[in-house]
Amino acid sequence: MKNTNLSLCKNLSAGGQGKTTLQIIKNYCDNLEKTNKYVLEIKVLNILYLYNIGICKIDIGEFEEGIKYLQEVIFKTEKSDLLYSYNVRALLNLASLFASTGKSKEASKLAVKLESEINYVELGVRSTAYRFYHLGKIFQYLEDLDKSLYYYRKAKEYRKNLHLDE
């Protein structure tokens, strides 16, 4: 990168070479765009890796390890608009795990966080339905049946309005 920047500066300061200078700038911008695209793809793959390993660890009963992976996903995606749906997924899975294993206090904290962001954070169609369903499941574990039923109905209504059941 440094050499490309250096040669670009030398060509520009040499009084301009017309087409050559413009071509160098275009090539530099194209390469920078490709590099940024690859960096983003690597970040997404890293998040997918951490999330999937966390879920697998939980599935095989290695809860503490799984929790660490999901917490890392949450940390790395908390301020990322592009990757935020993974943040929600990790939070939902952690809250479900905590609720199903009797860690009500931890589950309640995560459920409140997820609830408070419903109207403020746009997610894709599947992620939104997923969030409603899992909040219903979490509140069922927490024995808050009114909230549980509310979110199960919300998930069903959401699916129906999107014609996902047809």
C-alpha atoms as a PDB file:
ATOM      1  CA  MET A   1       0.000   0.000   0.000  1.00  0.00           C
ATOM      2  CA  LYS A   2       2.795   2.441   0.911  1.00  0.00           C
ATOM      3  CA  ASN A   3       4.485   2.002  -2.468  1.00  0.00           C
ATOM      4  CA  THR A   4       1.207   2.615  -4.277  1.00  0.00           C
ATOM      5  CA  ASN A   5       0.615   5.795  -2.276  1.00  0.00           C
ATOM      6  CA  LEU A   6       4.185   6.946  -2.877  1.00  0.00           C
ATOM      7  CA  SER A   7       4.046   6.416  -6.635  1.00  0.00           C
ATOM      8  CA  LEU A   8       0.640   8.103  -6.791  1.00  0.00           C
ATOM      9  CA  CYS A   9       2.030  11.167  -5.008  1.00  0.00           C
ATOM     10  CA  LYS A  10       5.135  11.271  -7.229  1.00  0.00           C
ATOM     11  CA  ASN A  11       3.018  11.124 -10.396  1.00  0.00           C
ATOM     12  CA  LEU A  12       0.687  13.850  -9.159  1.00  0.00           C
ATOM     13  CA  SER A  13       3.549  16.132  -8.140  1.00  0.00           C
ATOM     14  CA  ALA A  14       5.354  15.621 -11.447  1.00  0.00           C
ATOM     15  CA  GLY A  15       2.965  18.014 -13.133  1.00  0.00           C
ATOM     16  CA  GLY A  16       0.311  15.488 -13.971  1.00  0.00           C
ATOM     17  CA  GLN A  17       0.600  12.840 -16.594  1.00  0.00           C
ATOM     18  CA  GLY A  18      -2.975  13.139 -17.801  1.00  0.00           C
ATOM     19  CA  LYS A  19      -4.443   9.724 -18.489  1.00  0.00           C
ATOM     20  CA  THR A  20      -1.661   7.894 -16.672  1.00  0.00           C
ATOM     21  CA  THR A  21      -2.269   9.710 -13.381  1.00  0.00           C
ATOM     22  CA  LEU A  22      -6.029   9.213 -13.643  1.00  0.00           C
ATOM     23  CA  GLN A  23      -5.512   5.531 -14.385  1.00  0.00           C
ATOM     24  CA  ILE A  24      -3.236   5.171 -11.352  1.00  0.00           C
ATOM     25  CA  ILE A  25      -5.864   6.844  -9.153  1.00  0.00           C
ATOM     26  CA  LYS A  26      -8.606   4.632 -10.586  1.00  0.00           C
ATOM     27  CA  ASN A  27      -6.525   1.484 -10.051  1.00  0.00           C
ATOM     28  CA  TYR A  28      -5.689   2.571  -6.508  1.00  0.00           C
ATOM     29  CA  CYS A  29      -9.377   3.175  -5.702  1.00  0.00           C
ATOM     30  CA  ASP A  30     -10.394  -0.143  -7.278  1.00  0.00           C
ATOM     31  CA  ASN A  31      -7.790  -2.001  -5.225  1.00  0.00           C
ATOM     32  CA  LEU A  32      -8.824  -0.182  -2.060  1.00  0.00           C
ATOM     33  CA  GLU A  33     -12.489  -1.078  -2.681  1.00  0.00           C
ATOM     34  CA  LYS A  34     -11.582  -4.750  -3.217  1.00  0.00           C
ATOM     35  CA  THR A  35      -9.452  -4.750  -0.067  1.00  0.00           C
ATOM     36  CA  ASN A  36     -12.282  -3.236   1.993  1.00  0.00           C
ATOM     37  CA  LYS A  37     -14.700  -5.826   0.582  1.00  0.00           C
ATOM     38  CA  TYR A  38     -12.355  -8.667   1.560  1.00  0.00           C
ATOM     39  CA  VAL A  39     -11.823  -7.224   5.046  1.00  0.00           C
ATOM     40  CA  LEU A  40     -15.590  -7.066   5.523  1.00  0.00           C
ATOM     41  CA  GLU A  41     -16.032 -10.644   4.274  1.00  0.00           C
ATOM     42  CA  ILE A  42     -13.358 -11.805   6.724  1.00  0.00           C
ATOM     43  CA  LYS A  43     -15.132 -10.008   9.596  1.00  0.00           C
ATOM     44  CA  VAL A  44     -18.442 -11.654   8.668  1.00  0.00           C
ATOM     45  CA  LEU A  45     -16.811 -15.078   8.421  1.00  0.00           C
ATOM     46  CA  ASN A  46     -15.130 -14.560  11.792  1.00  0.00           C
ATOM     47  CA  ILE A  47     -18.476 -13.683  13.415  1.00  0.00           C
ATOM     48  CA  LEU A  48     -20.150 -16.697  11.777  1.00  0.00           C
ATOM     49  CA  TYR A  49     -17.331 -18.925  13.009  1.00  0.00           C
ATOM     50  CA  LEU A  50     -17.587 -17.644  16.590  1.00  0.00           C
ATOM     51  CA  TYR A  51     -21.385 -17.869  16.592  1.00  0.00           C
ATOM     52  CA  ASN A  52     -21.515 -21.394  15.162  1.00  0.00           C
ATOM     53  CA  ILE A  53     -18.784 -22.701  17.464  1.00  0.00           C
ATOM     54  CA  GLY A  54     -20.640 -21.168  20.423  1.00  0.00           C
ATOM     55  CA  ILE A  55     -23.904 -22.862  19.432  1.00  0.00           C
ATOM     56  CA  CYS A  56     -22.133 -26.200  18.858  1.00  0.00           C
ATOM     57  CA  LYS A  57     -20.413 -25.998  22.244  1.00  0.00           C
ATOM     58  CA  ILE A  58     -23.773 -25.380  23.913  1.00  0.00           C
ATOM     59  CA  ASP A  59     -25.372 -28.241  21.947  1.00  0.00           C
ATOM     60  CA  ILE A  60     -22.757 -30.699  23.230  1.00  0.00           C
ATOM     61  CA  GLY A  61     -23.112 -29.481  26.808  1.00  0.00           C
ATOM     62  CA  GLU A  62     -19.966 -27.346  27.009  1.00  0.00           C
ATOM     63  CA  PHE A  63     -21.971 -24.381  28.273  1.00  0.00           C
ATOM     64  CA  GLU A  64     -19.153 -22.233  29.666  1.00  0.00           C
ATOM     65  CA  GLU A  65     -17.170 -22.479  26.417  1.00  0.00           C
ATOM     66  CA  GLY A  66     -20.281 -21.770  24.354  1.00  0.00           C
ATOM     67  CA  ILE A  67     -21.100 -18.741  26.488  1.00  0.00           C
ATOM     68  CA  LYS A  68     -17.592 -17.327  25.932  1.00  0.00           C
ATOM     69  CA  TYR A  69     -17.967 -17.615  22.144  1.00  0.00           C
ATOM     70  CA  LEU A  70     -21.413 -16.006  22.134  1.00  0.00           C
ATOM     71  CA  GLN A  71     -20.215 -13.206  24.415  1.00  0.00           C
ATOM     72  CA  GLU A  72     -17.394 -12.528  21.980  1.00  0.00           C
ATOM     73  CA  VAL A  73     -19.941 -12.291  19.145  1.00  0.00           C
ATOM     74  CA  ILE A  74     -21.970  -9.826  21.205  1.00  0.00           C
ATOM     75  CA  PHE A  75     -18.902  -7.713  21.955  1.00  0.00           C
ATOM     76  CA  LYS A  76     -17.704  -7.660  18.325  1.00  0.00           C
ATOM     77  CA  THR A  77     -21.118  -6.874  16.811  1.00  0.00           C
ATOM     78  CA  GLU A  78     -22.612  -4.490  19.361  1.00  0.00           C
ATOM     79  CA  LYS A  79     -21.781  -1.334  17.427  1.00  0.00           C
ATOM     80  CA  SER A  80     -21.965  -2.765  13.923  1.00  0.00           C
ATOM     81  CA  ASP A  81     -25.090  -2.022  11.901  1.00  0.00           C
ATOM     82  CA  LEU A  82     -24.128  -4.599   9.305  1.00  0.00           C
ATOM     83  CA  LEU A  83     -23.520  -7.437  11.768  1.00  0.00           C
ATOM     84  CA  TYR A  84     -26.108  -6.515  14.390  1.00  0.00           C
ATOM     85  CA  SER A  85     -28.437  -9.422  13.575  1.00  0.00           C
ATOM     86  CA  TYR A  86     -25.695 -11.746  14.897  1.00  0.00           C
ATOM     87  CA  ASN A  87     -25.658  -9.697  18.096  1.00  0.00           C
ATOM     88  CA  VAL A  88     -29.393 -10.304  18.513  1.00  0.00           C
ATOM     89  CA  ARG A  89     -29.030 -14.016  17.727  1.00  0.00           C
ATOM     90  CA  ALA A  90     -26.251 -14.429  20.273  1.00  0.00           C
ATOM     91  CA  LEU A  91     -28.234 -12.510  22.906  1.00  0.00           C
ATOM     92  CA  LEU A  92     -31.322 -14.645  22.244  1.00  0.00           C
ATOM     93  CA  ASN A  93     -29.363 -17.874  22.498  1.00  0.00           C
ATOM     94  CA  LEU A  94     -27.657 -16.783  25.708  1.00  0.00           C
ATOM     95  CA  ALA A  95     -30.951 -15.678  27.236  1.00  0.00           C
ATOM     96  CA  SER A  96     -32.561 -18.994  26.246  1.00  0.00           C
ATOM     97  CA  LEU A  97     -29.650 -20.944  27.707  1.00  0.00           C
ATOM     98  CA  PHE A  98     -29.720 -18.968  30.961  1.00  0.00           C
ATOM     99  CA  ALA A  99     -33.514 -19.261  31.244  1.00  0.00           C
ATOM    100  CA  SER A 100     -33.517 -23.006  30.564  1.00  0.00           C
ATOM    101  CA  THR A 101     -30.755 -23.679  33.087  1.00  0.00           C
ATOM    102  CA  GLY A 102     -32.312 -21.717  35.931  1.00  0.00           C
ATOM    103  CA  LYS A 103     -30.180 -18.572  35.649  1.00  0.00           C
ATOM    104  CA  SER A 104     -33.244 -16.361  35.762  1.00  0.00           C
ATOM    105  CA  LYS A 105     -31.463 -13.153  36.738  1.00  0.00           C
ATOM    106  CA  GLU A 106     -29.080 -13.280  33.746  1.00  0.00           C
ATOM    107  CA  ALA A 107     -31.880 -14.325  31.386  1.00  0.00           C
ATOM    108  CA  SER A 108     -34.124 -11.488  32.571  1.00  0.00           C
ATOM    109  CA  LYS A 109     -31.407  -8.872  31.980  1.00  0.00           C
ATOM    110  CA  LEU A 110     -30.880 -10.069  28.420  1.00  0.00           C
ATOM    111  CA  ALA A 111     -34.622 -10.336  27.742  1.00  0.00           C
ATOM    112  CA  VAL A 112     -35.168  -6.746  28.909  1.00  0.00           C
ATOM    113  CA  LYS A 113     -32.349  -5.574  26.619  1.00  0.00           C
ATOM    114  CA  LEU A 114     -33.829  -7.453  23.669  1.00  0.00           C
ATOM    115  CA  GLU A 115     -37.320  -6.135  24.410  1.00  0.00           C
ATOM    116  CA  SER A 116     -36.167  -2.540  24.692  1.00  0.00           C
ATOM    117  CA  GLU A 117     -34.581  -2.621  21.242  1.00  0.00           C
ATOM    118  CA  ILE A 118     -37.481  -4.192  19.333  1.00  0.00           C
ATOM    119  CA  ASN A 119     -38.902  -0.907  18.092  1.00  0.00           C
ATOM    120  CA  TYR A 120     -35.551   0.770  17.592  1.00  0.00           C
ATOM    121  CA  VAL A 121     -33.441  -1.754  15.749  1.00  0.00           C
ATOM    122  CA  GLU A 122     -34.498  -2.902  12.305  1.00  0.00           C
ATOM    123  CA  LEU A 123     -33.678  -6.487  11.470  1.00  0.00           C
ATOM    124  CA  GLY A 124     -34.436  -8.650   8.491  1.00  0.00           C
ATOM    125  CA  VAL A 125     -37.704 -10.535   8.193  1.00  0.00           C
ATOM    126  CA  ARG A 126     -36.411 -13.828   9.538  1.00  0.00           C
ATOM    127  CA  SER A 127     -34.445 -12.206  12.361  1.00  0.00           C
ATOM    128  CA  THR A 128     -37.497 -10.276  13.521  1.00  0.00           C
ATOM    129  CA  ALA A 129     -39.713 -13.373  13.567  1.00  0.00           C
ATOM    130  CA  TYR A 130     -36.883 -15.285  15.248  1.00  0.00           C
ATOM    131  CA  ARG A 131     -36.611 -12.596  17.936  1.00  0.00           C
ATOM    132  CA  PHE A 132     -40.359 -12.669  18.748  1.00  0.00           C
ATOM    133  CA  TYR A 133     -40.454 -16.473  18.908  1.00  0.00           C
ATOM    134  CA  HIS A 134     -37.413 -16.745  21.148  1.00  0.00           C
ATOM    135  CA  LEU A 135     -38.591 -13.990  23.465  1.00  0.00           C
ATOM    136  CA  GLY A 136     -41.781 -16.042  23.882  1.00  0.00           C
ATOM    137  CA  LYS A 137     -39.666 -19.083  24.694  1.00  0.00           C
ATOM    138  CA  ILE A 138     -37.461 -17.142  27.149  1.00  0.00           C
ATOM    139  CA  PHE A 139     -40.438 -15.711  29.038  1.00  0.00           C
ATOM    140  CA  GLN A 140     -42.003 -19.172  29.123  1.00  0.00           C
ATOM    141  CA  TYR A 141     -38.883 -20.478  30.901  1.00  0.00           C
ATOM    142  CA  LEU A 142     -39.021 -17.467  33.237  1.00  0.00           C
ATOM    143  CA  GLU A 143     -42.653 -18.358  33.957  1.00  0.00           C
ATOM    144  CA  ASP A 144     -43.932 -14.977  32.783  1.00  0.00           C
ATOM    145  CA  LEU A 145     -46.740 -16.543  30.802  1.00  0.00           C
ATOM    146  CA  ASP A 146     -48.425 -13.263  29.829  1.00  0.00           C
ATOM    147  CA  LYS A 147     -45.283 -11.988  28.125  1.00  0.00           C
ATOM    148  CA  SER A 148     -44.567 -15.418  26.706  1.00  0.00           C
ATOM    149  CA  LEU A 149     -48.003 -15.622  25.102  1.00  0.00           C
ATOM    150  CA  TYR A 150     -47.693 -12.030  23.868  1.00  0.00           C
ATOM    151  CA  TYR A 151     -44.454 -12.780  21.998  1.00  0.00           C
ATOM    152  CA  TYR A 152     -45.643 -16.134  20.637  1.00  0.00           C
ATOM    153  CA  ARG A 153     -48.731 -14.361  19.250  1.00  0.00           C
ATOM    154  CA  LYS A 154     -46.561 -11.558  17.903  1.00  0.00           C
ATOM    155  CA  ALA A 155     -44.365 -14.104  16.068  1.00  0.00           C
ATOM    156  CA  LYS A 156     -47.416 -15.832  14.621  1.00  0.00           C
ATOM    157  CA  GLU A 157     -48.994 -12.520  13.573  1.00  0.00           C
ATOM    158  CA  TYR A 158     -45.725 -11.377  12.016  1.00  0.00           C
ATOM    159  CA  ARG A 159     -45.443 -14.564   9.972  1.00  0.00           C
ATOM    160  CA  LYS A 160     -49.082 -14.327   8.911  1.00  0.00           C
ATOM    161  CA  ASN A 161     -48.734 -10.694   7.769  1.00  0.00           C
ATOM    162  CA  LEU A 162     -45.690 -11.616   5.706  1.00  0.00           C
ATOM    163  CA  HIS A 163     -47.479 -14.644   4.204  1.00  0.00           C
ATOM    164  CA  LEU A 164     -44.703 -16.953   5.376  1.00  0.00           C
ATOM    165  CA  ASP A 165     -47.176 -19.716   6.235  1.00  0.00           C
ATOM    166  CA  GLU A 166     -48.533 -20.076   2.705  1.00  0.00           C
END
